Amino acid sequence: MCPANELYYPGDQKDDWICDCRPAYLYHPASDSCWPAWTRGPCAEKQYLVLPSNTVIPVCEQNPCDDGKVPWNTKCETLGSSQPCVHLFPPTVAVLGVNATTLAIECVALTFSSRLTESNNISGCSPGCRRNVKGECTFPIV
């Protein structure tokens, strides 16, 4: 059984399975745990955990919004909220979320195919995952 916020992924060998961070979660070496990107996680008050583009180690950055909210289109919006995305995907429902591949905040359309694609993306190492941080990725996601 994997620790909290982790899933089983195929390893390098046949019948080899390993635990690593869920999609859109970041491995934080100091706490040896996975945390949702763009949330407070292990960070101090008024900060959130993000992955800068020039590193594999996530960092705590100042959050200009209240805890649980992120900057989006010059406002502070709640992750998981559909309100900021209503105008982008009519009539499809979309929510403000974290793109599991880029770790960018964006409106994510809620369709069966997008959830299926994200959950089946188990090959390689996602940005911010434990294997990526520890340099153990043999075939990164492109």
C-alpha atoms as a PDB file:
ATOM      1  CA  MET A   1       0.000   0.000   0.000  1.00  0.00           C
ATOM      2  CA  CYS A   2       1.303   3.435  -0.943  1.00  0.00           C
ATOM      3  CA  PRO A   3       1.578   6.369   1.481  1.00  0.00           C
ATOM      4  CA  ALA A   4      -0.948   9.222   1.352  1.00  0.00           C
ATOM      5  CA  ASN A   5      -1.068  11.157  -1.946  1.00  0.00           C
ATOM      6  CA  GLU A   6       0.764   8.413  -3.853  1.00  0.00           C
ATOM      7  CA  LEU A   7      -0.256   5.772  -6.396  1.00  0.00           C
ATOM      8  CA  TYR A   8       1.308   2.576  -7.768  1.00  0.00           C
ATOM      9  CA  TYR A   9       3.196   3.014 -11.048  1.00  0.00           C
ATOM     10  CA  PRO A  10       4.972   0.386 -13.164  1.00  0.00           C
ATOM     11  CA  GLY A  11       8.678   0.116 -12.385  1.00  0.00           C
ATOM     12  CA  ASP A  12      11.650  -0.756 -14.603  1.00  0.00           C
ATOM     13  CA  GLN A  13      11.210  -4.536 -14.342  1.00  0.00           C
ATOM     14  CA  LYS A  14       8.317  -6.858 -15.221  1.00  0.00           C
ATOM     15  CA  ASP A  15       5.912  -7.130 -12.281  1.00  0.00           C
ATOM     16  CA  ASP A  16       7.773  -4.270 -10.559  1.00  0.00           C
ATOM     17  CA  TRP A  17       5.468  -1.609  -9.103  1.00  0.00           C
ATOM     18  CA  ILE A  18       6.553   1.459  -7.151  1.00  0.00           C
ATOM     19  CA  CYS A  19       4.800   4.199  -5.216  1.00  0.00           C
ATOM     20  CA  ASP A  20       5.122   7.789  -6.394  1.00  0.00           C
ATOM     21  CA  CYS A  21       3.174  11.046  -6.265  1.00  0.00           C
ATOM     22  CA  ARG A  22      -0.301  11.308  -7.765  1.00  0.00           C
ATOM     23  CA  PRO A  23      -0.603  13.450 -10.921  1.00  0.00           C
ATOM     24  CA  ALA A  24      -0.384  17.194 -10.111  1.00  0.00           C
ATOM     25  CA  TYR A  25       1.288  16.444  -6.753  1.00  0.00           C
ATOM     26  CA  LEU A  26       4.860  17.392  -5.861  1.00  0.00           C
ATOM     27  CA  TYR A  27       7.422  15.373  -3.939  1.00  0.00           C
ATOM     28  CA  HIS A  28       8.862  17.500  -1.122  1.00  0.00           C
ATOM     29  CA  PRO A  29      12.201  15.956  -0.039  1.00  0.00           C
ATOM     30  CA  ALA A  30      12.373  17.693   3.363  1.00  0.00           C
ATOM     31  CA  SER A  31       9.057  16.156   4.441  1.00  0.00           C
ATOM     32  CA  ASP A  32       9.535  12.981   2.335  1.00  0.00           C
ATOM     33  CA  SER A  33       5.905  13.365   1.223  1.00  0.00           C
ATOM     34  CA  CYS A  34       3.817  14.262  -1.815  1.00  0.00           C
ATOM     35  CA  TRP A  35       1.638  17.382  -1.688  1.00  0.00           C
ATOM     36  CA  PRO A  36      -0.859  18.905  -4.128  1.00  0.00           C
ATOM     37  CA  ALA A  37       0.791  21.578  -6.295  1.00  0.00           C
ATOM     38  CA  TRP A  38      -0.305  25.158  -5.641  1.00  0.00           C
ATOM     39  CA  THR A  39      -1.520  24.400  -2.096  1.00  0.00           C
ATOM     40  CA  ARG A  40       0.020  25.206   1.270  1.00  0.00           C
ATOM     41  CA  GLY A  41       1.290  21.648   1.772  1.00  0.00           C
ATOM     42  CA  PRO A  42       4.366  21.726   4.027  1.00  0.00           C
ATOM     43  CA  CYS A  43       4.850  25.475   3.553  1.00  0.00           C
ATOM     44  CA  ALA A  44       4.438  28.254   6.101  1.00  0.00           C
ATOM     45  CA  GLU A  45       1.285  30.339   6.354  1.00  0.00           C
ATOM     46  CA  LYS A  46       0.593  32.548   3.328  1.00  0.00           C
ATOM     47  CA  GLN A  47       2.731  30.314   1.053  1.00  0.00           C
ATOM     48  CA  TYR A  48       2.077  27.540  -1.466  1.00  0.00           C
ATOM     49  CA  LEU A  49       4.157  24.727  -2.959  1.00  0.00           C
ATOM     50  CA  VAL A  50       5.164  25.183  -6.606  1.00  0.00           C
ATOM     51  CA  LEU A  51       7.702  23.728  -9.021  1.00  0.00           C
ATOM     52  CA  PRO A  52       9.847  26.410 -10.695  1.00  0.00           C
ATOM     53  CA  SER A  53      10.672  25.710 -14.339  1.00  0.00           C
ATOM     54  CA  ASN A  54      14.420  25.535 -13.710  1.00  0.00           C
ATOM     55  CA  THR A  55      14.480  22.771 -11.055  1.00  0.00           C
ATOM     56  CA  VAL A  56      13.030  19.414 -10.023  1.00  0.00           C
ATOM     57  CA  ILE A  57      12.758  20.434  -6.358  1.00  0.00           C
ATOM     58  CA  PRO A  58       9.521  22.207  -5.377  1.00  0.00           C
ATOM     59  CA  VAL A  59       9.739  25.392  -3.347  1.00  0.00           C
ATOM     60  CA  CYS A  60       7.462  27.361  -1.070  1.00  0.00           C
ATOM     61  CA  GLU A  61       6.520  30.729  -2.554  1.00  0.00           C
ATOM     62  CA  GLN A  62       4.512  33.610  -1.194  1.00  0.00           C
ATOM     63  CA  ASN A  63       0.813  33.204  -2.007  1.00  0.00           C
ATOM     64  CA  PRO A  64      -0.713  36.612  -2.764  1.00  0.00           C
ATOM     65  CA  CYS A  65      -4.155  35.109  -2.058  1.00  0.00           C
ATOM     66  CA  ASP A  66      -5.805  33.576   0.988  1.00  0.00           C
ATOM     67  CA  ASP A  67      -4.970  29.967   1.809  1.00  0.00           C
ATOM     68  CA  GLY A  68      -6.670  27.632  -0.665  1.00  0.00           C
ATOM     69  CA  LYS A  69      -6.836  30.246  -3.413  1.00  0.00           C
ATOM     70  CA  VAL A  70      -4.518  31.012  -6.323  1.00  0.00           C
ATOM     71  CA  PRO A  71      -4.009  34.016  -8.594  1.00  0.00           C
ATOM     72  CA  TRP A  72      -6.000  33.640 -11.823  1.00  0.00           C
ATOM     73  CA  ASN A  73      -6.783  36.436 -14.305  1.00  0.00           C
ATOM     74  CA  THR A  74      -5.958  39.195 -11.796  1.00  0.00           C
ATOM     75  CA  LYS A  75      -8.221  37.661  -9.115  1.00  0.00           C
ATOM     76  CA  CYS A  76      -7.810  35.164  -6.313  1.00  0.00           C
ATOM     77  CA  GLU A  77      -9.783  32.030  -7.186  1.00  0.00           C
ATOM     78  CA  THR A  78     -10.362  28.685  -5.463  1.00  0.00           C
ATOM     79  CA  LEU A  79      -8.868  25.586  -7.066  1.00  0.00           C
ATOM     80  CA  GLY A  80     -11.679  23.227  -8.073  1.00  0.00           C
ATOM     81  CA  SER A  81     -14.140  26.062  -8.618  1.00  0.00           C
ATOM     82  CA  SER A  82     -16.086  26.163 -11.881  1.00  0.00           C
ATOM     83  CA  GLN A  83     -16.923  29.876 -11.627  1.00  0.00           C
ATOM     84  CA  PRO A  84     -13.635  31.199 -13.113  1.00  0.00           C
ATOM     85  CA  CYS A  85     -14.030  28.896 -16.131  1.00  0.00           C
ATOM     86  CA  VAL A  86     -17.710  29.291 -17.021  1.00  0.00           C
ATOM     87  CA  HIS A  87     -17.031  31.497 -20.044  1.00  0.00           C
ATOM     88  CA  LEU A  88     -14.301  29.267 -21.509  1.00  0.00           C
ATOM     89  CA  PHE A  89     -15.945  25.924 -22.158  1.00  0.00           C
ATOM     90  CA  PRO A  90     -19.693  26.323 -22.655  1.00  0.00           C
ATOM     91  CA  PRO A  91     -21.593  24.019 -22.525  1.00  0.00           C
ATOM     92  CA  THR A  92     -18.858  21.750 -21.072  1.00  0.00           C
ATOM     93  CA  VAL A  93     -18.219  22.061 -17.352  1.00  0.00           C
ATOM     94  CA  ALA A  94     -14.672  23.101 -16.457  1.00  0.00           C
ATOM     95  CA  VAL A  95     -12.942  23.822 -13.176  1.00  0.00           C
ATOM     96  CA  LEU A  96      -9.846  25.746 -12.199  1.00  0.00           C
ATOM     97  CA  GLY A  97      -7.201  23.095 -11.607  1.00  0.00           C
ATOM     98  CA  VAL A  98      -3.595  22.050 -12.023  1.00  0.00           C
ATOM     99  CA  ASN A  99      -2.533  20.556 -15.355  1.00  0.00           C
ATOM    100  CA  ALA A 100      -0.913  17.226 -14.398  1.00  0.00           C
ATOM    101  CA  THR A 101       1.632  17.477 -17.230  1.00  0.00           C
ATOM    102  CA  THR A 102       2.727  21.121 -17.018  1.00  0.00           C
ATOM    103  CA  LEU A 103       1.740  21.832 -13.387  1.00  0.00           C
ATOM    104  CA  ALA A 104       0.270  25.130 -14.589  1.00  0.00           C
ATOM    105  CA  ILE A 105      -3.026  26.442 -13.255  1.00  0.00           C
ATOM    106  CA  GLU A 106      -5.674  26.340 -15.957  1.00  0.00           C
ATOM    107  CA  CYS A 107      -9.315  25.625 -16.657  1.00  0.00           C
ATOM    108  CA  VAL A 108      -9.683  21.881 -17.040  1.00  0.00           C
ATOM    109  CA  ALA A 109     -12.704  20.550 -18.919  1.00  0.00           C
ATOM    110  CA  LEU A 110     -14.506  17.830 -16.999  1.00  0.00           C
ATOM    111  CA  THR A 111     -15.123  15.141 -19.564  1.00  0.00           C
ATOM    112  CA  PHE A 112     -14.851  11.391 -19.340  1.00  0.00           C
ATOM    113  CA  SER A 113     -12.030  11.320 -21.878  1.00  0.00           C
ATOM    114  CA  SER A 114      -9.873  13.948 -20.087  1.00  0.00           C
ATOM    115  CA  ARG A 115     -10.149  12.141 -16.740  1.00  0.00           C
ATOM    116  CA  LEU A 116      -9.409   8.813 -18.407  1.00  0.00           C
ATOM    117  CA  THR A 117      -6.374  10.192 -20.215  1.00  0.00           C
ATOM    118  CA  GLU A 118      -4.962  11.791 -17.072  1.00  0.00           C
ATOM    119  CA  SER A 119      -5.455   8.720 -14.903  1.00  0.00           C
ATOM    120  CA  ASN A 120      -3.918   6.408 -17.521  1.00  0.00           C
ATOM    121  CA  ASN A 121      -0.806   8.513 -17.973  1.00  0.00           C
ATOM    122  CA  ILE A 122       1.370   6.204 -15.894  1.00  0.00           C
ATOM    123  CA  SER A 123       4.446   5.829 -18.060  1.00  0.00           C
ATOM    124  CA  GLY A 124       7.518   7.886 -17.334  1.00  0.00           C
ATOM    125  CA  CYS A 125       7.989  10.433 -14.597  1.00  0.00           C
ATOM    126  CA  SER A 126       5.766  13.441 -14.121  1.00  0.00           C
ATOM    127  CA  PRO A 127       7.276  16.806 -13.207  1.00  0.00           C
ATOM    128  CA  GLY A 128       7.691  17.014  -9.447  1.00  0.00           C
ATOM    129  CA  CYS A 129       7.354  13.279  -8.748  1.00  0.00           C
ATOM    130  CA  ARG A 130       9.633  11.481  -6.269  1.00  0.00           C
ATOM    131  CA  ARG A 131      11.536   9.603  -9.017  1.00  0.00           C
ATOM    132  CA  ASN A 132      12.147  12.834 -10.917  1.00  0.00           C
ATOM    133  CA  VAL A 133      13.442  14.595  -7.790  1.00  0.00           C
ATOM    134  CA  LYS A 134      15.753  11.653  -6.993  1.00  0.00           C
ATOM    135  CA  GLY A 135      16.993  11.370 -10.599  1.00  0.00           C
ATOM    136  CA  GLU A 136      15.490   7.905 -11.098  1.00  0.00           C
ATOM    137  CA  CYS A 137      13.475   8.585 -14.258  1.00  0.00           C
ATOM    138  CA  THR A 138      14.542   6.430 -17.150  1.00  0.00           C
ATOM    139  CA  PHE A 139      11.887   7.567 -19.617  1.00  0.00           C
ATOM    140  CA  PRO A 140      10.453  11.003 -18.737  1.00  0.00           C
ATOM    141  CA  ILE A 141       7.080  12.141 -20.060  1.00  0.00           C
ATOM    142  CA  VAL A 142       7.538  14.436 -23.046  1.00  0.00           C
END
